[in-house]
Amino acid sequence: MNKEAAEAYWKENISLILKLLVVWFAVSYGCGIIFIDELNAITFGGFKLGFWFAQQGAIYVFLVLIFVYAKKMEAIEEKYDIHE
């Protein structure tokens, strides 16, 4: 792999990571702390939605983000021909 392709690969990788971190932050901090009063007006499975996001929802979103990252990185690695 030449230097330009390697730099482009890492630029895409870092960009993807930053986007996923923004989503994770928005869900864990935003839904669990900032918007908790608004979300608590809604119930989900017998619990207030703000409480659910703070306790369980952020974890589920994080797990989904792991799978999204793996799938997107697979496509990026194939694009730059460094896949297994």
C-alpha atoms as a PDB file:
ATOM      1  CA  MET A   1       0.000   0.000   0.000  1.00  0.00           C
ATOM      2  CA  ASN A   2       1.398   3.387  -0.930  1.00  0.00           C
ATOM      3  CA  LYS A   3       1.543   6.306   1.464  1.00  0.00           C
ATOM      4  CA  GLU A   4      -1.447   8.160  -0.016  1.00  0.00           C
ATOM      5  CA  ALA A   5      -3.669   5.084   0.197  1.00  0.00           C
ATOM      6  CA  ALA A   6      -2.541   4.432   3.782  1.00  0.00           C
ATOM      7  CA  GLU A   7      -3.348   8.014   4.766  1.00  0.00           C
ATOM      8  CA  ALA A   8      -6.749   7.836   3.079  1.00  0.00           C
ATOM      9  CA  TYR A   9      -7.467   4.546   4.870  1.00  0.00           C
ATOM     10  CA  TRP A  10      -6.641   5.998   8.279  1.00  0.00           C
ATOM     11  CA  LYS A  11      -8.569   9.171   7.514  1.00  0.00           C
ATOM     12  CA  GLU A  12     -11.694   7.101   6.770  1.00  0.00           C
ATOM     13  CA  ASN A  13     -11.094   4.960   9.856  1.00  0.00           C
ATOM     14  CA  ILE A  14     -10.757   7.956  12.175  1.00  0.00           C
ATOM     15  CA  SER A  15     -13.764   9.643  10.561  1.00  0.00           C
ATOM     16  CA  LEU A  16     -15.890   6.553  11.180  1.00  0.00           C
ATOM     17  CA  ILE A  17     -14.720   6.295  14.785  1.00  0.00           C
ATOM     18  CA  LEU A  18     -15.524   9.957  15.454  1.00  0.00           C
ATOM     19  CA  LYS A  19     -19.005   9.632  13.953  1.00  0.00           C
ATOM     20  CA  LEU A  20     -19.752   6.576  16.072  1.00  0.00           C
ATOM     21  CA  LEU A  21     -18.416   8.282  19.201  1.00  0.00           C
ATOM     22  CA  VAL A  22     -20.730  11.234  18.572  1.00  0.00           C
ATOM     23  CA  VAL A  23     -23.699   8.859  18.368  1.00  0.00           C
ATOM     24  CA  TRP A  24     -22.585   7.081  21.535  1.00  0.00           C
ATOM     25  CA  PHE A  25     -22.138  10.404  23.368  1.00  0.00           C
ATOM     26  CA  ALA A  26     -25.517  11.700  22.203  1.00  0.00           C
ATOM     27  CA  VAL A  27     -27.288   8.576  23.417  1.00  0.00           C
ATOM     28  CA  SER A  28     -25.431   7.993  26.685  1.00  0.00           C
ATOM     29  CA  TYR A  29     -25.001  11.587  27.823  1.00  0.00           C
ATOM     30  CA  GLY A  30     -27.882  13.240  25.981  1.00  0.00           C
ATOM     31  CA  CYS A  31     -30.605  10.681  26.641  1.00  0.00           C
ATOM     32  CA  GLY A  32     -29.303   9.568  30.025  1.00  0.00           C
ATOM     33  CA  ILE A  33     -28.580  12.991  31.542  1.00  0.00           C
ATOM     34  CA  ILE A  34     -29.589  16.054  29.507  1.00  0.00           C
ATOM     35  CA  PHE A  35     -33.004  14.994  28.198  1.00  0.00           C
ATOM     36  CA  ILE A  36     -33.913  12.706  31.080  1.00  0.00           C
ATOM     37  CA  ASP A  37     -36.856  14.816  32.278  1.00  0.00           C
ATOM     38  CA  GLU A  38     -38.464  14.845  28.822  1.00  0.00           C
ATOM     39  CA  LEU A  39     -37.809  11.134  28.321  1.00  0.00           C
ATOM     40  CA  ASN A  40     -39.163  10.232  31.747  1.00  0.00           C
ATOM     41  CA  ALA A  41     -42.598  11.366  30.567  1.00  0.00           C
ATOM     42  CA  ILE A  42     -42.595   8.234  28.355  1.00  0.00           C
ATOM     43  CA  THR A  43     -42.666   4.717  29.786  1.00  0.00           C
ATOM     44  CA  PHE A  44     -40.963   1.733  28.171  1.00  0.00           C
ATOM     45  CA  GLY A  45     -41.479  -1.765  29.544  1.00  0.00           C
ATOM     46  CA  GLY A  46     -42.852  -0.352  32.792  1.00  0.00           C
ATOM     47  CA  PHE A  47     -39.871   1.961  33.321  1.00  0.00           C
ATOM     48  CA  LYS A  48     -39.420   5.620  32.554  1.00  0.00           C
ATOM     49  CA  LEU A  49     -37.604   6.007  29.232  1.00  0.00           C
ATOM     50  CA  GLY A  50     -34.919   8.313  30.666  1.00  0.00           C
ATOM     51  CA  PHE A  51     -34.094   5.771  33.356  1.00  0.00           C
ATOM     52  CA  TRP A  52     -34.086   2.976  30.750  1.00  0.00           C
ATOM     53  CA  PHE A  53     -31.618   4.856  28.511  1.00  0.00           C
ATOM     54  CA  ALA A  54     -29.356   5.631  31.445  1.00  0.00           C
ATOM     55  CA  GLN A  55     -29.360   1.995  32.627  1.00  0.00           C
ATOM     56  CA  GLN A  56     -29.844  -0.196  29.547  1.00  0.00           C
ATOM     57  CA  GLY A  57     -30.398   1.759  26.342  1.00  0.00           C
ATOM     58  CA  ALA A  58     -26.920   3.237  26.126  1.00  0.00           C
ATOM     59  CA  ILE A  59     -25.407  -0.234  26.517  1.00  0.00           C
ATOM     60  CA  TYR A  60     -27.580  -1.623  23.713  1.00  0.00           C
ATOM     61  CA  VAL A  61     -26.680   1.289  21.458  1.00  0.00           C
ATOM     62  CA  PHE A  62     -22.995   0.726  22.222  1.00  0.00           C
ATOM     63  CA  LEU A  63     -23.300  -2.935  21.227  1.00  0.00           C
ATOM     64  CA  VAL A  64     -25.013  -1.975  17.974  1.00  0.00           C
ATOM     65  CA  LEU A  65     -22.244   0.539  17.289  1.00  0.00           C
ATOM     66  CA  ILE A  66     -19.650  -2.223  17.669  1.00  0.00           C
ATOM     67  CA  PHE A  67     -21.352  -4.239  14.942  1.00  0.00           C
ATOM     68  CA  VAL A  68     -21.763  -1.158  12.737  1.00  0.00           C
ATOM     69  CA  TYR A  69     -18.058  -0.400  13.147  1.00  0.00           C
ATOM     70  CA  ALA A  70     -17.075  -3.953  12.241  1.00  0.00           C
ATOM     71  CA  LYS A  71     -19.284  -3.941   9.126  1.00  0.00           C
ATOM     72  CA  LYS A  72     -18.118  -0.508   7.964  1.00  0.00           C
ATOM     73  CA  MET A  73     -14.465  -1.352   8.585  1.00  0.00           C
ATOM     74  CA  GLU A  74     -14.871  -4.518   6.566  1.00  0.00           C
ATOM     75  CA  ALA A  75     -16.062  -2.384   3.639  1.00  0.00           C
ATOM     76  CA  ILE A  76     -13.234   0.127   4.108  1.00  0.00           C
ATOM     77  CA  GLU A  77     -10.627  -2.634   4.276  1.00  0.00           C
ATOM     78  CA  GLU A  78     -12.025  -4.205   1.125  1.00  0.00           C
ATOM     79  CA  LYS A  79     -11.935  -0.805  -0.584  1.00  0.00           C
ATOM     80  CA  TYR A  80      -8.222  -0.443   0.179  1.00  0.00           C
ATOM     81  CA  ASP A  81      -7.546  -4.143  -0.464  1.00  0.00           C
ATOM     82  CA  ILE A  82      -6.257  -4.933   3.021  1.00  0.00           C
ATOM     83  CA  HIS A  83      -9.006  -7.365   3.983  1.00  0.00           C
ATOM     84  CA  GLU A  84      -8.218 -10.865   5.212  1.00  0.00           C
END
